[in-house]
N, C-alpha and C. Protein backbone atom coordinates (compact mmCIF):
# COMPACT_ATOMS: atom_id res chain seq x y z
N MET A 1 -54.31 14.07 21.46
CA MET A 1 -53.07 14.24 22.20
C MET A 1 -51.93 14.39 21.19
N ARG A 2 -51.11 15.36 21.44
CA ARG A 2 -49.94 15.55 20.58
C ARG A 2 -48.85 16.12 21.46
N SER A 3 -47.76 15.39 21.58
CA SER A 3 -46.63 15.91 22.35
C SER A 3 -45.34 15.50 21.67
N LYS A 4 -44.34 16.27 21.95
CA LYS A 4 -43.04 15.99 21.35
C LYS A 4 -42.06 15.73 22.48
N GLU A 5 -41.38 14.60 22.42
CA GLU A 5 -40.46 14.23 23.48
C GLU A 5 -39.16 13.74 22.86
N LYS A 6 -38.16 14.58 22.86
CA LYS A 6 -36.82 14.25 22.36
C LYS A 6 -36.87 13.47 21.04
N GLY A 7 -37.44 14.08 20.05
CA GLY A 7 -37.44 13.47 18.73
C GLY A 7 -38.58 12.51 18.47
N LEU A 8 -39.39 12.22 19.46
CA LEU A 8 -40.49 11.29 19.30
C LEU A 8 -41.80 12.08 19.27
N THR A 9 -42.49 12.04 18.14
CA THR A 9 -43.75 12.76 18.03
C THR A 9 -44.88 11.78 18.28
N LEU A 10 -45.70 12.08 19.29
CA LEU A 10 -46.82 11.21 19.62
C LEU A 10 -48.11 11.87 19.22
N GLN A 11 -48.97 11.12 18.53
CA GLN A 11 -50.24 11.66 18.10
C GLN A 11 -51.42 10.91 18.70
N GLY A 12 -51.16 9.97 19.57
CA GLY A 12 -52.25 9.28 20.23
C GLY A 12 -52.69 8.00 19.58
N SER A 13 -51.97 7.47 18.62
CA SER A 13 -52.37 6.24 17.96
C SER A 13 -51.88 5.03 18.77
N GLN A 14 -52.37 3.87 18.41
CA GLN A 14 -51.96 2.63 19.05
C GLN A 14 -50.46 2.40 18.86
N ALA A 15 -49.96 2.71 17.69
CA ALA A 15 -48.53 2.56 17.42
C ALA A 15 -47.70 3.47 18.32
N ASP A 16 -48.22 4.67 18.58
CA ASP A 16 -47.51 5.60 19.46
C ASP A 16 -47.44 5.07 20.89
N ALA A 17 -48.51 4.44 21.33
CA ALA A 17 -48.54 3.86 22.68
C ALA A 17 -47.49 2.75 22.78
N LYS A 18 -47.42 1.90 21.77
CA LYS A 18 -46.41 0.83 21.77
C LYS A 18 -45.00 1.40 21.71
N THR A 19 -44.81 2.41 20.89
CA THR A 19 -43.49 3.03 20.76
C THR A 19 -43.05 3.63 22.09
N TYR A 20 -43.97 4.32 22.75
CA TYR A 20 -43.63 4.94 24.03
C TYR A 20 -43.33 3.88 25.10
N ALA A 21 -44.13 2.82 25.12
CA ALA A 21 -43.91 1.74 26.08
C ALA A 21 -42.56 1.07 25.83
N LEU A 22 -42.23 0.84 24.58
CA LEU A 22 -40.94 0.22 24.25
C LEU A 22 -39.78 1.13 24.63
N LYS A 23 -39.99 2.43 24.46
CA LYS A 23 -38.96 3.38 24.86
C LYS A 23 -38.74 3.31 26.36
N LEU A 24 -39.82 3.24 27.14
CA LEU A 24 -39.69 3.12 28.59
C LEU A 24 -38.97 1.83 28.98
N LEU A 25 -39.29 0.75 28.30
CA LEU A 25 -38.66 -0.54 28.60
C LEU A 25 -37.20 -0.59 28.17
N SER A 26 -36.81 0.31 27.27
CA SER A 26 -35.41 0.31 26.84
C SER A 26 -34.49 0.82 27.95
N PHE A 27 -35.05 1.59 28.90
CA PHE A 27 -34.25 2.11 30.00
C PHE A 27 -34.09 1.08 31.11
N ARG A 28 -35.18 0.42 31.48
CA ARG A 28 -35.16 -0.61 32.52
C ARG A 28 -36.43 -1.43 32.46
N SER A 29 -36.40 -2.60 33.09
CA SER A 29 -37.60 -3.43 33.17
C SER A 29 -38.64 -2.72 34.01
N ARG A 30 -39.89 -2.88 33.63
CA ARG A 30 -40.97 -2.24 34.35
C ARG A 30 -42.11 -3.23 34.57
N SER A 31 -42.85 -3.00 35.63
CA SER A 31 -44.00 -3.85 35.91
C SER A 31 -45.18 -3.40 35.05
N ARG A 32 -46.16 -4.27 35.00
CA ARG A 32 -47.39 -3.98 34.27
C ARG A 32 -48.02 -2.69 34.80
N LYS A 33 -48.07 -2.59 36.11
CA LYS A 33 -48.70 -1.43 36.76
C LYS A 33 -47.93 -0.14 36.46
N GLU A 34 -46.60 -0.20 36.46
CA GLU A 34 -45.78 0.98 36.14
C GLU A 34 -46.06 1.46 34.73
N LEU A 35 -46.10 0.51 33.78
CA LEU A 35 -46.35 0.89 32.38
C LEU A 35 -47.75 1.47 32.21
N GLN A 36 -48.74 0.86 32.86
CA GLN A 36 -50.10 1.39 32.77
C GLN A 36 -50.14 2.83 33.27
N TYR A 37 -49.49 3.07 34.40
CA TYR A 37 -49.46 4.41 34.98
C TYR A 37 -48.81 5.41 34.03
N ARG A 38 -47.64 5.05 33.49
CA ARG A 38 -46.89 5.97 32.62
C ARG A 38 -47.65 6.25 31.32
N LEU A 39 -48.28 5.21 30.76
CA LEU A 39 -49.04 5.42 29.52
C LEU A 39 -50.28 6.29 29.79
N LYS A 40 -50.93 6.07 30.92
CA LYS A 40 -52.11 6.88 31.26
C LYS A 40 -51.69 8.33 31.49
N LYS A 41 -50.56 8.51 32.17
CA LYS A 41 -50.05 9.86 32.44
C LYS A 41 -49.72 10.58 31.13
N LYS A 42 -49.30 9.82 30.14
CA LYS A 42 -48.95 10.40 28.84
C LYS A 42 -50.19 10.75 28.03
N GLY A 43 -51.35 10.27 28.46
CA GLY A 43 -52.59 10.66 27.80
C GLY A 43 -53.20 9.62 26.88
N PHE A 44 -52.72 8.41 26.90
CA PHE A 44 -53.29 7.36 26.04
C PHE A 44 -54.59 6.85 26.66
N SER A 45 -55.49 6.37 25.81
CA SER A 45 -56.79 5.88 26.28
C SER A 45 -56.61 4.52 26.97
N THR A 46 -57.61 4.16 27.74
CA THR A 46 -57.59 2.88 28.45
C THR A 46 -57.49 1.72 27.46
N GLU A 47 -58.20 1.82 26.35
CA GLU A 47 -58.17 0.77 25.34
C GLU A 47 -56.77 0.64 24.73
N GLN A 48 -56.15 1.76 24.40
CA GLN A 48 -54.80 1.73 23.84
C GLN A 48 -53.81 1.13 24.84
N ILE A 49 -53.97 1.49 26.10
CA ILE A 49 -53.09 0.98 27.15
C ILE A 49 -53.25 -0.53 27.28
N ASP A 50 -54.49 -1.01 27.32
CA ASP A 50 -54.75 -2.44 27.47
C ASP A 50 -54.17 -3.24 26.30
N VAL A 51 -54.37 -2.75 25.09
CA VAL A 51 -53.85 -3.43 23.90
C VAL A 51 -52.31 -3.45 23.93
N THR A 52 -51.72 -2.34 24.32
CA THR A 52 -50.25 -2.25 24.38
C THR A 52 -49.69 -3.21 25.43
N ILE A 53 -50.30 -3.23 26.61
CA ILE A 53 -49.84 -4.11 27.69
C ILE A 53 -49.96 -5.58 27.26
N LEU A 54 -51.09 -5.93 26.64
CA LEU A 54 -51.29 -7.30 26.16
C LEU A 54 -50.23 -7.67 25.13
N PHE A 55 -49.96 -6.76 24.21
CA PHE A 55 -48.92 -6.98 23.20
C PHE A 55 -47.55 -7.23 23.85
N LEU A 56 -47.21 -6.40 24.84
CA LEU A 56 -45.90 -6.52 25.50
C LEU A 56 -45.81 -7.81 26.32
N GLU A 57 -46.91 -8.22 26.94
CA GLU A 57 -46.91 -9.47 27.70
C GLU A 57 -46.74 -10.66 26.77
N ARG A 58 -47.45 -10.66 25.65
CA ARG A 58 -47.34 -11.77 24.69
C ARG A 58 -45.94 -11.82 24.08
N ALA A 59 -45.31 -10.67 23.92
CA ALA A 59 -43.96 -10.62 23.36
C ALA A 59 -42.90 -10.99 24.41
N GLY A 60 -43.32 -11.13 25.67
CA GLY A 60 -42.39 -11.48 26.74
C GLY A 60 -41.59 -10.32 27.28
N LEU A 61 -42.04 -9.11 26.98
CA LEU A 61 -41.31 -7.92 27.43
C LEU A 61 -41.76 -7.45 28.81
N ILE A 62 -42.92 -7.91 29.24
CA ILE A 62 -43.40 -7.63 30.59
C ILE A 62 -43.67 -8.97 31.25
N ASN A 63 -43.03 -9.19 32.37
CA ASN A 63 -43.27 -10.40 33.15
C ASN A 63 -43.04 -10.03 34.61
N ASP A 64 -44.12 -9.74 35.31
CA ASP A 64 -44.01 -9.27 36.69
C ASP A 64 -43.38 -10.29 37.62
N GLU A 65 -43.59 -11.58 37.35
CA GLU A 65 -43.01 -12.62 38.20
C GLU A 65 -41.49 -12.62 38.09
N ASN A 66 -40.97 -12.55 36.87
CA ASN A 66 -39.52 -12.48 36.68
C ASN A 66 -38.95 -11.18 37.23
N LEU A 67 -39.68 -10.08 37.03
CA LEU A 67 -39.24 -8.79 37.54
C LEU A 67 -39.17 -8.81 39.06
N ALA A 68 -40.15 -9.43 39.71
CA ALA A 68 -40.15 -9.52 41.17
C ALA A 68 -38.92 -10.28 41.66
N ALA A 69 -38.59 -11.39 41.01
CA ALA A 69 -37.41 -12.18 41.40
C ALA A 69 -36.13 -11.38 41.19
N GLU A 70 -36.07 -10.66 40.07
CA GLU A 70 -34.90 -9.84 39.75
C GLU A 70 -34.73 -8.70 40.77
N LEU A 71 -35.83 -8.04 41.09
CA LEU A 71 -35.78 -6.94 42.06
C LEU A 71 -35.50 -7.43 43.47
N LEU A 72 -35.97 -8.62 43.81
CA LEU A 72 -35.67 -9.22 45.11
C LEU A 72 -34.17 -9.43 45.25
N ARG A 73 -33.57 -10.01 44.23
CA ARG A 73 -32.13 -10.26 44.24
C ARG A 73 -31.36 -8.93 44.31
N TYR A 74 -31.76 -7.97 43.52
CA TYR A 74 -31.11 -6.66 43.49
C TYR A 74 -31.22 -5.96 44.84
N SER A 75 -32.42 -5.95 45.40
CA SER A 75 -32.61 -5.23 46.66
C SER A 75 -31.91 -5.90 47.82
N SER A 76 -31.74 -7.19 47.76
CA SER A 76 -31.05 -7.90 48.83
C SER A 76 -29.54 -7.76 48.70
N GLU A 77 -29.02 -7.95 47.49
CA GLU A 77 -27.57 -7.94 47.28
C GLU A 77 -26.99 -6.55 47.15
N ARG A 78 -27.62 -5.70 46.37
CA ARG A 78 -27.06 -4.38 46.09
C ARG A 78 -27.52 -3.30 47.06
N LYS A 79 -28.80 -3.31 47.38
CA LYS A 79 -29.35 -2.27 48.25
C LYS A 79 -29.30 -2.65 49.72
N SER A 80 -28.96 -3.91 50.01
CA SER A 80 -28.88 -4.43 51.38
C SER A 80 -30.15 -4.13 52.17
N LEU A 81 -31.28 -4.59 51.65
CA LEU A 81 -32.56 -4.38 52.32
C LEU A 81 -32.99 -5.66 53.02
N GLY A 82 -33.71 -5.50 54.12
CA GLY A 82 -34.31 -6.62 54.82
C GLY A 82 -35.65 -6.95 54.19
N ALA A 83 -36.35 -7.94 54.74
CA ALA A 83 -37.61 -8.39 54.16
C ALA A 83 -38.64 -7.26 54.07
N LYS A 84 -38.77 -6.45 55.11
CA LYS A 84 -39.74 -5.35 55.07
C LYS A 84 -39.33 -4.30 54.04
N GLY A 85 -38.05 -4.03 53.95
CA GLY A 85 -37.55 -3.07 52.97
C GLY A 85 -37.75 -3.56 51.55
N ILE A 86 -37.53 -4.86 51.34
CA ILE A 86 -37.74 -5.45 50.02
C ILE A 86 -39.21 -5.36 49.63
N LYS A 87 -40.08 -5.67 50.59
CA LYS A 87 -41.52 -5.61 50.32
C LYS A 87 -41.91 -4.19 49.91
N ALA A 88 -41.44 -3.19 50.63
CA ALA A 88 -41.76 -1.80 50.31
C ALA A 88 -41.22 -1.42 48.93
N PHE A 89 -40.02 -1.88 48.61
CA PHE A 89 -39.39 -1.59 47.32
C PHE A 89 -40.22 -2.21 46.18
N LEU A 90 -40.67 -3.46 46.36
CA LEU A 90 -41.45 -4.13 45.33
C LEU A 90 -42.83 -3.48 45.16
N VAL A 91 -43.43 -3.06 46.26
CA VAL A 91 -44.73 -2.36 46.17
C VAL A 91 -44.55 -1.07 45.39
N LYS A 92 -43.49 -0.33 45.69
CA LYS A 92 -43.22 0.93 45.00
C LYS A 92 -43.03 0.72 43.50
N ARG A 93 -42.46 -0.42 43.11
CA ARG A 93 -42.24 -0.72 41.70
C ARG A 93 -43.48 -1.32 41.02
N GLY A 94 -44.59 -1.43 41.75
CA GLY A 94 -45.85 -1.86 41.13
C GLY A 94 -46.04 -3.36 41.04
N ILE A 95 -45.35 -4.12 41.86
CA ILE A 95 -45.50 -5.57 41.84
C ILE A 95 -46.72 -5.94 42.68
N ASP A 96 -47.51 -6.87 42.20
CA ASP A 96 -48.72 -7.34 42.87
C ASP A 96 -48.39 -8.00 44.21
N LYS A 97 -49.25 -7.83 45.20
CA LYS A 97 -49.00 -8.35 46.56
C LYS A 97 -48.81 -9.87 46.58
N GLU A 98 -49.55 -10.59 45.76
CA GLU A 98 -49.40 -12.04 45.70
C GLU A 98 -48.01 -12.41 45.19
N LEU A 99 -47.53 -11.72 44.18
CA LEU A 99 -46.19 -11.98 43.65
C LEU A 99 -45.11 -11.62 44.67
N ILE A 100 -45.35 -10.56 45.43
CA ILE A 100 -44.40 -10.17 46.47
C ILE A 100 -44.32 -11.27 47.52
N HIS A 101 -45.47 -11.75 47.95
CA HIS A 101 -45.49 -12.82 48.95
C HIS A 101 -44.78 -14.06 48.41
N LYS A 102 -45.05 -14.41 47.17
CA LYS A 102 -44.42 -15.58 46.54
C LYS A 102 -42.90 -15.39 46.45
N ALA A 103 -42.47 -14.20 46.08
CA ALA A 103 -41.02 -13.94 45.96
C ALA A 103 -40.34 -13.96 47.32
N LEU A 104 -41.01 -13.42 48.34
CA LEU A 104 -40.40 -13.36 49.67
C LEU A 104 -40.33 -14.72 50.37
N THR A 105 -41.10 -15.70 49.90
CA THR A 105 -40.99 -17.03 50.50
C THR A 105 -39.63 -17.65 50.22
N ALA A 106 -39.01 -17.25 49.12
CA ALA A 106 -37.67 -17.73 48.80
C ALA A 106 -36.59 -16.98 49.56
N HIS A 107 -36.96 -15.87 50.16
CA HIS A 107 -36.01 -15.03 50.90
C HIS A 107 -35.92 -15.54 52.34
N THR A 108 -34.94 -16.37 52.61
CA THR A 108 -34.82 -16.98 53.93
C THR A 108 -34.14 -16.03 54.91
N GLN A 109 -34.20 -16.39 56.17
CA GLN A 109 -33.56 -15.58 57.21
C GLN A 109 -32.04 -15.60 57.03
N ASP A 110 -31.49 -16.71 56.54
CA ASP A 110 -30.05 -16.79 56.31
C ASP A 110 -29.60 -15.76 55.26
N ILE A 111 -30.39 -15.62 54.21
CA ILE A 111 -30.08 -14.64 53.16
C ILE A 111 -30.15 -13.24 53.74
N GLU A 112 -31.17 -13.00 54.57
CA GLU A 112 -31.33 -11.68 55.19
C GLU A 112 -30.17 -11.38 56.13
N GLU A 113 -29.75 -12.38 56.91
CA GLU A 113 -28.62 -12.19 57.82
C GLU A 113 -27.34 -11.89 57.05
N GLU A 114 -27.13 -12.59 55.95
CA GLU A 114 -25.93 -12.36 55.13
C GLU A 114 -25.93 -10.94 54.56
N SER A 115 -27.08 -10.49 54.11
CA SER A 115 -27.20 -9.13 53.59
C SER A 115 -26.92 -8.10 54.68
N ALA A 116 -27.45 -8.34 55.87
CA ALA A 116 -27.22 -7.43 56.99
C ALA A 116 -25.75 -7.41 57.39
N LYS A 117 -25.11 -8.58 57.38
CA LYS A 117 -23.68 -8.65 57.73
C LYS A 117 -22.84 -7.85 56.74
N ARG A 118 -23.13 -8.02 55.45
CA ARG A 118 -22.38 -7.27 54.42
C ARG A 118 -22.56 -5.76 54.63
N PHE A 119 -23.78 -5.35 54.91
CA PHE A 119 -24.06 -3.95 55.12
C PHE A 119 -23.31 -3.41 56.34
N VAL A 120 -23.34 -4.15 57.45
CA VAL A 120 -22.66 -3.72 58.68
C VAL A 120 -21.15 -3.64 58.46
N GLU A 121 -20.58 -4.64 57.79
CA GLU A 121 -19.14 -4.60 57.51
C GLU A 121 -18.76 -3.38 56.70
N LYS A 122 -19.57 -3.05 55.72
CA LYS A 122 -19.32 -1.88 54.88
C LYS A 122 -19.41 -0.59 55.71
N LYS A 123 -20.43 -0.49 56.55
CA LYS A 123 -20.63 0.72 57.35
C LYS A 123 -19.61 0.85 58.47
N LEU A 124 -19.12 -0.26 59.00
CA LEU A 124 -18.13 -0.19 60.08
C LEU A 124 -16.84 0.50 59.62
N LYS A 125 -16.52 0.39 58.35
CA LYS A 125 -15.33 1.05 57.81
C LYS A 125 -15.43 2.57 57.93
N THR A 126 -16.63 3.09 57.75
CA THR A 126 -16.79 4.55 57.81
C THR A 126 -17.09 5.04 59.23
N LEU A 127 -17.50 4.14 60.11
CA LEU A 127 -17.86 4.54 61.47
C LEU A 127 -16.77 4.25 62.50
N ARG A 128 -15.64 3.73 62.06
CA ARG A 128 -14.62 3.24 63.00
C ARG A 128 -14.05 4.31 63.93
N ASN A 129 -14.15 5.59 63.60
CA ASN A 129 -13.59 6.66 64.43
C ASN A 129 -14.54 7.13 65.53
N TYR A 130 -15.75 6.61 65.55
CA TYR A 130 -16.75 7.02 66.54
C TYR A 130 -16.68 6.12 67.78
N PRO A 131 -17.19 6.62 68.91
CA PRO A 131 -17.28 5.78 70.11
C PRO A 131 -18.21 4.58 69.86
N GLU A 132 -18.01 3.51 70.59
CA GLU A 132 -18.77 2.27 70.37
C GLU A 132 -20.27 2.47 70.50
N GLU A 133 -20.72 3.27 71.47
CA GLU A 133 -22.15 3.50 71.65
C GLU A 133 -22.76 4.20 70.43
N VAL A 134 -22.03 5.15 69.87
CA VAL A 134 -22.51 5.87 68.68
C VAL A 134 -22.60 4.90 67.50
N ILE A 135 -21.59 4.06 67.36
CA ILE A 135 -21.58 3.06 66.28
C ILE A 135 -22.79 2.15 66.39
N LYS A 136 -23.04 1.63 67.58
CA LYS A 136 -24.17 0.73 67.80
C LYS A 136 -25.50 1.41 67.47
N ARG A 137 -25.67 2.63 67.97
CA ARG A 137 -26.91 3.37 67.75
C ARG A 137 -27.14 3.63 66.26
N ARG A 138 -26.10 4.06 65.58
CA ARG A 138 -26.24 4.37 64.15
C ARG A 138 -26.51 3.10 63.32
N LEU A 139 -25.78 2.04 63.61
CA LEU A 139 -26.00 0.79 62.88
C LEU A 139 -27.42 0.25 63.11
N LEU A 140 -27.86 0.32 64.37
CA LEU A 140 -29.21 -0.14 64.69
C LEU A 140 -30.25 0.64 63.88
N GLY A 141 -30.11 1.95 63.84
CA GLY A 141 -31.05 2.78 63.08
C GLY A 141 -31.00 2.49 61.59
N MET A 142 -29.80 2.33 61.06
CA MET A 142 -29.66 2.05 59.63
C MET A 142 -30.30 0.71 59.27
N LEU A 143 -30.07 -0.29 60.09
CA LEU A 143 -30.63 -1.62 59.82
C LEU A 143 -32.16 -1.60 59.93
N GLN A 144 -32.68 -0.88 60.90
CA GLN A 144 -34.14 -0.77 61.05
C GLN A 144 -34.76 -0.08 59.84
N ARG A 145 -34.14 1.00 59.39
CA ARG A 145 -34.67 1.74 58.23
C ARG A 145 -34.60 0.91 56.95
N ARG A 146 -33.70 -0.02 56.89
CA ARG A 146 -33.58 -0.87 55.70
C ARG A 146 -34.53 -2.07 55.75
N GLY A 147 -35.28 -2.19 56.85
CA GLY A 147 -36.32 -3.21 56.91
C GLY A 147 -35.89 -4.56 57.45
N PHE A 148 -34.79 -4.62 58.18
CA PHE A 148 -34.37 -5.89 58.77
C PHE A 148 -35.18 -6.16 60.02
N SER A 149 -35.44 -7.44 60.28
CA SER A 149 -36.22 -7.82 61.47
C SER A 149 -35.37 -7.62 62.72
N THR A 150 -36.05 -7.49 63.84
CA THR A 150 -35.37 -7.29 65.12
C THR A 150 -34.44 -8.45 65.43
N GLU A 151 -34.88 -9.65 65.12
CA GLU A 151 -34.08 -10.85 65.37
C GLU A 151 -32.77 -10.82 64.57
N VAL A 152 -32.86 -10.47 63.31
CA VAL A 152 -31.67 -10.40 62.45
C VAL A 152 -30.74 -9.29 62.94
N ILE A 153 -31.30 -8.14 63.28
CA ILE A 153 -30.49 -7.02 63.77
C ILE A 153 -29.73 -7.42 65.03
N ARG A 154 -30.45 -8.04 65.95
CA ARG A 154 -29.83 -8.46 67.21
C ARG A 154 -28.67 -9.44 66.95
N LYS A 155 -28.90 -10.40 66.08
CA LYS A 155 -27.90 -11.40 65.77
C LYS A 155 -26.66 -10.79 65.11
N VAL A 156 -26.89 -9.93 64.13
CA VAL A 156 -25.80 -9.31 63.38
C VAL A 156 -25.00 -8.34 64.27
N MET A 157 -25.71 -7.58 65.09
CA MET A 157 -25.03 -6.63 65.99
C MET A 157 -24.18 -7.39 67.01
N HIS A 158 -24.68 -8.50 67.49
CA HIS A 158 -23.95 -9.31 68.46
C HIS A 158 -22.67 -9.89 67.83
N LEU A 159 -22.78 -10.34 66.58
CA LEU A 159 -21.62 -10.92 65.90
C LEU A 159 -20.59 -9.89 65.47
N SER A 160 -21.07 -8.70 65.10
CA SER A 160 -20.17 -7.69 64.53
C SER A 160 -19.46 -6.83 65.55
N LEU A 161 -20.07 -6.63 66.71
CA LEU A 161 -19.46 -5.72 67.69
C LEU A 161 -19.01 -6.47 68.93
């Protein structure tokens, strides 16, 4: 394997696998599964990938448990996702199902309601010129697509409108 990527020449050695993995981690935190996928896609052997992943885990650069907690907080606060939306987001980022379940146990209904309230308040500013029925319908759809439970949606819609 030999490829050139923005000044980085890869020849398929173990050092190249580590260099590429470190480059990926310099952009953002990644899960073990994401790194394995990207290294495999780049053409590194299974042995090189395993050694690289082990090296990064021992160095503390890959920690799926911490990443799951970080992504849970991000998806709840910044992306305004409900429990189902958070679960889908974590699966997409390559987090193991057991870690997702463990992370979501800390995600209480109160946290989910607060996230939904913030989202609705933000959206009401842009929807204020529409008739009330249109506002309700659009908010309901937006909250459902973001993965909020029916109970949380009902509660938030009742409080906000």
